[in-house]
């Protein structure tokens, strides 16, 4: 996890719905790592998002036609 200056942190309150067995496992993990649940979730989310910087090629392979027929749509769904 990348440690930032506290002034650069953004507080984002999040409501998460989890099964009780998952909460138990996350609680055990947090205790093992000597973290609070909030710190654990922050670390997990930061690690998951670390490599998600927007690529310069994002969306270049998407073609949106001006019009298409019902047959074109069905052919696209079936392929």
PDB file of N, CA and C in Angstrom:
ATOM      1  N   UNK A   1       0.840  -1.173   0.000  1.00  0.00           N
ATOM      2  CA  UNK A   1       0.000   0.000   0.000  1.00  0.00           C
ATOM      3  C   UNK A   1       0.887   1.238   0.000  1.00  0.00           C
ATOM      4  N   UNK A   2       0.519   2.196  -0.795  1.00  0.00           N
ATOM      5  CA  UNK A   2       1.273   3.439  -0.899  1.00  0.00           C
ATOM      6  C   UNK A   2       0.857   4.369   0.243  1.00  0.00           C
ATOM      7  N   UNK A   3       1.806   4.806   1.042  1.00  0.00           N
ATOM      8  CA  UNK A   3       1.506   5.683   2.174  1.00  0.00           C
ATOM      9  C   UNK A   3       1.552   7.131   1.712  1.00  0.00           C
ATOM     10  N   UNK A   4       0.468   7.836   1.977  1.00  0.00           N
ATOM     11  CA  UNK A   4       0.357   9.233   1.562  1.00  0.00           C
ATOM     12  C   UNK A   4       0.356  10.158   2.757  1.00  0.00           C
ATOM     13  N   UNK A   5       0.702  11.380   2.489  1.00  0.00           N
ATOM     14  CA  UNK A   5       0.565  12.440   3.473  1.00  0.00           C
ATOM     15  C   UNK A   5      -0.922  12.507   3.852  1.00  0.00           C
ATOM     16  N   UNK A   6      -1.258  12.540   5.142  1.00  0.00           N
ATOM     17  CA  UNK A   6      -2.669  12.593   5.534  1.00  0.00           C
ATOM     18  C   UNK A   6      -3.447  13.731   4.881  1.00  0.00           C
ATOM     19  N   UNK A   7      -2.764  14.801   4.523  1.00  0.00           N
ATOM     20  CA  UNK A   7      -3.441  15.923   3.866  1.00  0.00           C
ATOM     21  C   UNK A   7      -3.909  15.557   2.462  1.00  0.00           C
ATOM     22  N   UNK A   8      -3.321  14.513   1.870  1.00  0.00           N
ATOM     23  CA  UNK A   8      -3.690  14.103   0.517  1.00  0.00           C
ATOM     24  C   UNK A   8      -4.752  13.007   0.509  1.00  0.00           C
ATOM     25  N   UNK A   9      -5.161  12.546   1.667  1.00  0.00           N
ATOM     26  CA  UNK A   9      -6.175  11.506   1.774  1.00  0.00           C
ATOM     27  C   UNK A   9      -7.558  12.086   1.534  1.00  0.00           C
ATOM     28  N   UNK A  10      -8.426  11.305   0.926  1.00  0.00           N
ATOM     29  CA  UNK A  10      -9.819  11.683   0.709  1.00  0.00           C
ATOM     30  C   UNK A  10     -10.678  10.716   1.508  1.00  0.00           C
ATOM     31  N   UNK A  11     -11.523  11.236   2.375  1.00  0.00           N
ATOM     32  CA  UNK A  11     -12.408  10.387   3.170  1.00  0.00           C
ATOM     33  C   UNK A  11     -13.642  10.101   2.326  1.00  0.00           C
ATOM     34  N   UNK A  12     -13.919   8.807   2.138  1.00  0.00           N
ATOM     35  CA  UNK A  12     -15.047   8.379   1.327  1.00  0.00           C
ATOM     36  C   UNK A  12     -15.861   7.367   2.124  1.00  0.00           C
ATOM     37  N   UNK A  13     -16.913   7.812   2.803  1.00  0.00           N
ATOM     38  CA  UNK A  13     -17.725   6.874   3.574  1.00  0.00           C
ATOM     39  C   UNK A  13     -18.398   5.882   2.629  1.00  0.00           C
ATOM     40  N   UNK A  14     -18.304   4.608   2.958  1.00  0.00           N
ATOM     41  CA  UNK A  14     -18.853   3.559   2.090  1.00  0.00           C
ATOM     42  C   UNK A  14     -19.666   2.595   2.942  1.00  0.00           C
ATOM     43  N   UNK A  15     -20.809   2.189   2.436  1.00  0.00           N
ATOM     44  CA  UNK A  15     -21.634   1.181   3.076  1.00  0.00           C
ATOM     45  C   UNK A  15     -21.458  -0.114   2.294  1.00  0.00           C
ATOM     46  N   UNK A  16     -20.988  -1.168   2.960  1.00  0.00           N
ATOM     47  CA  UNK A  16     -20.708  -2.439   2.301  1.00  0.00           C
ATOM     48  C   UNK A  16     -21.566  -3.514   2.940  1.00  0.00           C
ATOM     49  N   UNK A  17     -22.218  -4.327   2.110  1.00  0.00           N
ATOM     50  CA  UNK A  17     -23.033  -5.424   2.602  1.00  0.00           C
ATOM     51  C   UNK A  17     -22.286  -6.734   2.345  1.00  0.00           C
ATOM     52  N   UNK A  18     -21.963  -7.455   3.416  1.00  0.00           N
ATOM     53  CA  UNK A  18     -21.192  -8.691   3.308  1.00  0.00           C
ATOM     54  C   UNK A  18     -21.846  -9.787   4.133  1.00  0.00           C
ATOM     55  N   UNK A  19     -21.562 -11.030   3.751  1.00  0.00           N
ATOM     56  CA  UNK A  19     -22.016 -12.159   4.557  1.00  0.00           C
ATOM     57  C   UNK A  19     -21.251 -12.147   5.873  1.00  0.00           C
ATOM     58  N   UNK A  20     -21.855 -12.699   6.905  1.00  0.00           N
ATOM     59  CA  UNK A  20     -21.220 -12.692   8.225  1.00  0.00           C
ATOM     60  C   UNK A  20     -19.915 -13.479   8.239  1.00  0.00           C
ATOM     61  N   UNK A  21     -19.818 -14.568   7.459  1.00  0.00           N
ATOM     62  CA  UNK A  21     -18.567 -15.337   7.445  1.00  0.00           C
ATOM     63  C   UNK A  21     -17.439 -14.541   6.795  1.00  0.00           C
ATOM     64  N   UNK A  22     -17.766 -13.718   5.825  1.00  0.00           N
ATOM     65  CA  UNK A  22     -16.758 -12.866   5.179  1.00  0.00           C
ATOM     66  C   UNK A  22     -16.289 -11.791   6.158  1.00  0.00           C
ATOM     67  N   UNK A  23     -17.222 -11.203   6.891  1.00  0.00           N
ATOM     68  CA  UNK A  23     -16.862 -10.189   7.887  1.00  0.00           C
ATOM     69  C   UNK A  23     -15.938 -10.803   8.935  1.00  0.00           C
ATOM     70  N   UNK A  24     -16.246 -12.016   9.348  1.00  0.00           N
ATOM     71  CA  UNK A  24     -15.405 -12.698  10.343  1.00  0.00           C
ATOM     72  C   UNK A  24     -13.981 -12.876   9.804  1.00  0.00           C
ATOM     73  N   UNK A  25     -13.861 -13.323   8.555  1.00  0.00           N
ATOM     74  CA  UNK A  25     -12.534 -13.506   7.957  1.00  0.00           C
ATOM     75  C   UNK A  25     -11.780 -12.182   7.829  1.00  0.00           C
ATOM     76  N   UNK A  26     -12.479 -11.137   7.404  1.00  0.00           N
ATOM     77  CA  UNK A  26     -11.839  -9.822   7.281  1.00  0.00           C
ATOM     78  C   UNK A  26     -11.417  -9.289   8.647  1.00  0.00           C
ATOM     79  N   UNK A  27     -12.241  -9.529   9.660  1.00  0.00           N
ATOM     80  CA  UNK A  27     -11.894  -9.102  11.014  1.00  0.00           C
ATOM     81  C   UNK A  27     -10.642  -9.824  11.492  1.00  0.00           C
ATOM     82  N   UNK A  28     -10.554 -11.131  11.255  1.00  0.00           N
ATOM     83  CA  UNK A  28      -9.364 -11.892  11.631  1.00  0.00           C
ATOM     84  C   UNK A  28      -8.125 -11.367  10.899  1.00  0.00           C
ATOM     85  N   UNK A  29      -8.289 -11.076   9.606  1.00  0.00           N
ATOM     86  CA  UNK A  29      -7.176 -10.540   8.819  1.00  0.00           C
ATOM     87  C   UNK A  29      -6.712  -9.195   9.376  1.00  0.00           C
ATOM     88  N   UNK A  30      -7.667  -8.325   9.691  1.00  0.00           N
ATOM     89  CA  UNK A  30      -7.325  -7.009  10.244  1.00  0.00           C
ATOM     90  C   UNK A  30      -6.589  -7.151  11.570  1.00  0.00           C
ATOM     91  N   UNK A  31      -7.061  -8.055  12.412  1.00  0.00           N
ATOM     92  CA  UNK A  31      -6.403  -8.274  13.707  1.00  0.00           C
ATOM     93  C   UNK A  31      -4.987  -8.788  13.492  1.00  0.00           C
ATOM     94  N   UNK A  32      -4.831  -9.760  12.577  1.00  0.00           N
ATOM     95  CA  UNK A  32      -3.501 -10.313  12.287  1.00  0.00           C
ATOM     96  C   UNK A  32      -2.540  -9.247  11.773  1.00  0.00           C
ATOM     97  N   UNK A  33      -3.067  -8.282  11.024  1.00  0.00           N
ATOM     98  CA  UNK A  33      -2.236  -7.233  10.442  1.00  0.00           C
ATOM     99  C   UNK A  33      -2.133  -6.014  11.349  1.00  0.00           C
ATOM    100  N   UNK A  34      -2.782  -6.069  12.525  1.00  0.00           N
ATOM    101  CA  UNK A  34      -2.805  -4.966  13.478  1.00  0.00           C
ATOM    102  C   UNK A  34      -3.374  -3.696  12.835  1.00  0.00           C
ATOM    103  N   UNK A  35      -4.509  -3.867  12.126  1.00  0.00           N
ATOM    104  CA  UNK A  35      -5.184  -2.767  11.454  1.00  0.00           C
ATOM    105  C   UNK A  35      -6.633  -2.694  11.906  1.00  0.00           C
ATOM    106  N   UNK A  36      -7.260  -1.550  11.678  1.00  0.00           N
ATOM    107  CA  UNK A  36      -8.710  -1.454  11.857  1.00  0.00           C
ATOM    108  C   UNK A  36      -9.359  -1.956  10.574  1.00  0.00           C
ATOM    109  N   UNK A  37     -10.654  -2.236  10.636  1.00  0.00           N
ATOM    110  CA  UNK A  37     -11.383  -2.661   9.433  1.00  0.00           C
ATOM    111  C   UNK A  37     -11.301  -1.575   8.363  1.00  0.00           C
ATOM    112  N   UNK A  38     -11.427  -0.290   8.767  1.00  0.00           N
ATOM    113  CA  UNK A  38     -11.330   0.818   7.803  1.00  0.00           C
ATOM    114  C   UNK A  38      -9.975   0.814   7.094  1.00  0.00           C
ATOM    115  N   UNK A  39      -8.908   0.627   7.865  1.00  0.00           N
ATOM    116  CA  UNK A  39      -7.569   0.598   7.268  1.00  0.00           C
ATOM    117  C   UNK A  39      -7.415  -0.596   6.326  1.00  0.00           C
ATOM    118  N   UNK A  40      -7.991  -1.738   6.707  1.00  0.00           N
ATOM    119  CA  UNK A  40      -7.918  -2.927   5.851  1.00  0.00           C
ATOM    120  C   UNK A  40      -8.632  -2.685   4.529  1.00  0.00           C
ATOM    121  N   UNK A  41      -9.864  -2.148   4.593  1.00  0.00           N
ATOM    122  CA  UNK A  41     -10.602  -1.858   3.364  1.00  0.00           C
ATOM    123  C   UNK A  41      -9.868  -0.835   2.497  1.00  0.00           C
ATOM    124  N   UNK A  42      -9.296   0.186   3.119  1.00  0.00           N
ATOM    125  CA  UNK A  42      -8.534   1.180   2.357  1.00  0.00           C
ATOM    126  C   UNK A  42      -7.373   0.522   1.628  1.00  0.00           C
ATOM    127  N   UNK A  43      -6.662  -0.359   2.320  1.00  0.00           N
ATOM    128  CA  UNK A  43      -5.524  -1.051   1.700  1.00  0.00           C
ATOM    129  C   UNK A  43      -5.976  -1.933   0.551  1.00  0.00           C
ATOM    130  N   UNK A  44      -7.063  -2.676   0.755  1.00  0.00           N
ATOM    131  CA  UNK A  44      -7.573  -3.568  -0.296  1.00  0.00           C
ATOM    132  C   UNK A  44      -7.991  -2.765  -1.527  1.00  0.00           C
ATOM    133  N   UNK A  45      -8.721  -1.680  -1.318  1.00  0.00           N
ATOM    134  CA  UNK A  45      -9.199  -0.871  -2.445  1.00  0.00           C
ATOM    135  C   UNK A  45      -8.035  -0.197  -3.165  1.00  0.00           C
ATOM    136  N   UNK A  46      -7.068   0.331  -2.421  1.00  0.00           N
ATOM    137  CA  UNK A  46      -5.915   0.975  -3.055  1.00  0.00           C
ATOM    138  C   UNK A  46      -5.118  -0.026  -3.885  1.00  0.00           C
ATOM    139  N   UNK A  47      -4.900  -1.225  -3.346  1.00  0.00           N
ATOM    140  CA  UNK A  47      -4.165  -2.248  -4.092  1.00  0.00           C
ATOM    141  C   UNK A  47      -4.923  -2.662  -5.345  1.00  0.00           C
ATOM    142  N   UNK A  48      -6.251  -2.798  -5.232  1.00  0.00           N
ATOM    143  CA  UNK A  48      -7.060  -3.208  -6.379  1.00  0.00           C
ATOM    144  C   UNK A  48      -7.060  -2.144  -7.477  1.00  0.00           C
ATOM    145  N   UNK A  49      -7.032  -0.878  -7.076  1.00  0.00           N
ATOM    146  CA  UNK A  49      -7.118   0.217  -8.042  1.00  0.00           C
ATOM    147  C   UNK A  49      -5.762   0.718  -8.514  1.00  0.00           C
ATOM    148  N   UNK A  50      -4.691   0.226  -7.935  1.00  0.00           N
ATOM    149  CA  UNK A  50      -3.353   0.754  -8.212  1.00  0.00           C
ATOM    150  C   UNK A  50      -3.029   0.789  -9.704  1.00  0.00           C
ATOM    151  N   UNK A  51      -3.332  -0.279 -10.439  1.00  0.00           N
ATOM    152  CA  UNK A  51      -2.973  -0.341 -11.853  1.00  0.00           C
ATOM    153  C   UNK A  51      -4.076   0.067 -12.804  1.00  0.00           C
ATOM    154  N   UNK A  52      -5.072   0.785 -12.310  1.00  0.00           N
ATOM    155  CA  UNK A  52      -6.216   1.117 -13.158  1.00  0.00           C
ATOM    156  C   UNK A  52      -6.131   2.483 -13.823  1.00  0.00           C
ATOM    157  N   UNK A  53      -4.942   3.024 -13.958  1.00  0.00           N
ATOM    158  CA  UNK A  53      -4.835   4.330 -14.610  1.00  0.00           C
ATOM    159  C   UNK A  53      -5.394   4.235 -16.023  1.00  0.00           C
ATOM    160  N   UNK A  54      -6.061   5.267 -16.433  1.00  0.00           N
ATOM    161  CA  UNK A  54      -6.708   5.269 -17.743  1.00  0.00           C
ATOM    162  C   UNK A  54      -5.663   5.204 -18.850  1.00  0.00           C
ATOM    163  N   UNK A  55      -5.828   4.228 -19.703  1.00  0.00           N
ATOM    164  CA  UNK A  55      -4.928   4.049 -20.833  1.00  0.00           C
ATOM    165  C   UNK A  55      -5.237   5.099 -21.896  1.00  0.00           C
ATOM    166  N   UNK A  56      -4.218   5.513 -22.618  1.00  0.00           N
ATOM    167  CA  UNK A  56      -4.435   6.485 -23.688  1.00  0.00           C
ATOM    168  C   UNK A  56      -5.222   5.859 -24.839  1.00  0.00           C
ATOM    169  N   UNK A  57      -5.258   4.518 -24.890  1.00  0.00           N
ATOM    170  CA  UNK A  57      -5.983   3.824 -25.955  1.00  0.00           C
ATOM    171  C   UNK A  57      -7.393   3.432 -25.526  1.00  0.00           C
ATOM    172  N   UNK A  58      -7.825   3.871 -24.348  1.00  0.00           N
ATOM    173  CA  UNK A  58      -9.136   3.517 -23.837  1.00  0.00           C
ATOM    174  C   UNK A  58     -10.223   3.980 -24.808  1.00  0.00           C
ATOM    175  N   UNK A  59     -11.033   3.060 -25.258  1.00  0.00           N
ATOM    176  CA  UNK A  59     -12.160   3.386 -26.127  1.00  0.00           C
ATOM    177  C   UNK A  59     -11.842   3.503 -27.597  1.00  0.00           C
ATOM    178  N   UNK A  60     -10.576   3.381 -27.981  1.00  0.00           N
ATOM    179  CA  UNK A  60     -10.222   3.524 -29.391  1.00  0.00           C
ATOM    180  C   UNK A  60     -10.781   2.385 -30.242  1.00  0.00           C
ATOM    181  N   UNK A  61     -11.008   1.214 -29.635  1.00  0.00           N
ATOM    182  CA  UNK A  61     -11.498   0.069 -30.388  1.00  0.00           C
ATOM    183  C   UNK A  61     -13.022  -0.003 -30.417  1.00  0.00           C
ATOM    184  N   UNK A  62     -13.699   1.000 -29.860  1.00  0.00           N
ATOM    185  CA  UNK A  62     -15.159   1.019 -29.837  1.00  0.00           C
ATOM    186  C   UNK A  62     -15.671   1.824 -31.033  1.00  0.00           C
ATOM    187  N   UNK A  63     -16.561   1.175 -31.799  1.00  0.00           N
ATOM    188  CA  UNK A  63     -17.155   1.841 -32.958  1.00  0.00           C
ATOM    189  C   UNK A  63     -18.656   1.939 -32.719  1.00  0.00           C
ATOM    190  N   UNK A  64     -19.182   3.147 -32.780  1.00  0.00           N
ATOM    191  CA  UNK A  64     -20.608   3.359 -32.601  1.00  0.00           C
ATOM    192  C   UNK A  64     -21.171   3.812 -33.950  1.00  0.00           C
ATOM    193  N   UNK A  65     -21.965   2.950 -34.581  1.00  0.00           N
ATOM    194  CA  UNK A  65     -22.503   3.305 -35.899  1.00  0.00           C
ATOM    195  C   UNK A  65     -23.601   4.364 -35.788  1.00  0.00           C
ATOM    196  N   UNK A  66     -23.818   5.080 -36.890  1.00  0.00           N
ATOM    197  CA  UNK A  66     -24.885   6.071 -36.929  1.00  0.00           C
ATOM    198  C   UNK A  66     -26.250   5.405 -36.888  1.00  0.00           C
ATOM    199  N   UNK A  67     -26.333   4.223 -37.490  1.00  0.00           N
ATOM    200  CA  UNK A  67     -27.584   3.471 -37.483  1.00  0.00           C
ATOM    201  C   UNK A  67     -27.289   1.988 -37.686  1.00  0.00           C
ATOM    202  N   UNK A  68     -28.229   1.151 -37.277  1.00  0.00           N
ATOM    203  CA  UNK A  68     -28.102  -0.280 -37.522  1.00  0.00           C
ATOM    204  C   UNK A  68     -29.494  -0.894 -37.542  1.00  0.00           C
ATOM    205  N   UNK A  69     -29.607  -2.011 -38.214  1.00  0.00           N
ATOM    206  CA  UNK A  69     -30.895  -2.677 -38.325  1.00  0.00           C
ATOM    207  C   UNK A  69     -31.082  -3.661 -37.174  1.00  0.00           C
ATOM    208  N   UNK A  70     -32.291  -4.159 -37.020  1.00  0.00           N
ATOM    209  CA  UNK A  70     -32.580  -5.176 -36.022  1.00  0.00           C
ATOM    210  C   UNK A  70     -31.753  -6.422 -36.302  1.00  0.00           C
ATOM    211  N   UNK A  71     -31.575  -6.753 -37.587  1.00  0.00           N
ATOM    212  CA  UNK A  71     -30.777  -7.918 -37.968  1.00  0.00           C
ATOM    213  C   UNK A  71     -29.325  -7.732 -37.521  1.00  0.00           C
ATOM    214  N   UNK A  72     -28.780  -6.528 -37.699  1.00  0.00           N
ATOM    215  CA  UNK A  72     -27.410  -6.239 -37.262  1.00  0.00           C
ATOM    216  C   UNK A  72     -27.267  -6.454 -35.751  1.00  0.00           C
ATOM    217  N   UNK A  73     -28.246  -5.973 -34.975  1.00  0.00           N
ATOM    218  CA  UNK A  73     -28.218  -6.142 -33.531  1.00  0.00           C
ATOM    219  C   UNK A  73     -28.269  -7.610 -33.139  1.00  0.00           C
ATOM    220  N   UNK A  74     -29.183  -8.357 -33.770  1.00  0.00           N
ATOM    221  CA  UNK A  74     -29.301  -9.783 -33.448  1.00  0.00           C
ATOM    222  C   UNK A  74     -28.032 -10.538 -33.833  1.00  0.00           C
ATOM    223  N   UNK A  75     -27.453 -10.211 -34.965  1.00  0.00           N
ATOM    224  CA  UNK A  75     -26.193 -10.871 -35.384  1.00  0.00           C
ATOM    225  C   UNK A  75     -25.092 -10.574 -34.378  1.00  0.00           C
ATOM    226  N   UNK A  76     -25.044  -9.360 -33.881  1.00  0.00           N
ATOM    227  CA  UNK A  76     -24.018  -8.983 -32.910  1.00  0.00           C
ATOM    228  C   UNK A  76     -24.210  -9.726 -31.591  1.00  0.00           C
ATOM    229  N   UNK A  77     -25.451  -9.884 -31.160  1.00  0.00           N
ATOM    230  CA  UNK A  77     -25.738 -10.592 -29.906  1.00  0.00           C
ATOM    231  C   UNK A  77     -25.374 -12.063 -30.048  1.00  0.00           C
ATOM    232  N   UNK A  78     -25.655 -12.640 -31.178  1.00  0.00           N
ATOM    233  CA  UNK A  78     -25.410 -14.069 -31.399  1.00  0.00           C
ATOM    234  C   UNK A  78     -23.941 -14.404 -31.583  1.00  0.00           C
ATOM    235  N   UNK A  79     -23.133 -13.429 -31.954  1.00  0.00           N
ATOM    236  CA  UNK A  79     -21.706 -13.735 -32.200  1.00  0.00           C
ATOM    237  C   UNK A  79     -20.875 -13.718 -30.956  1.00  0.00           C
TER     238      UNK A  79
END
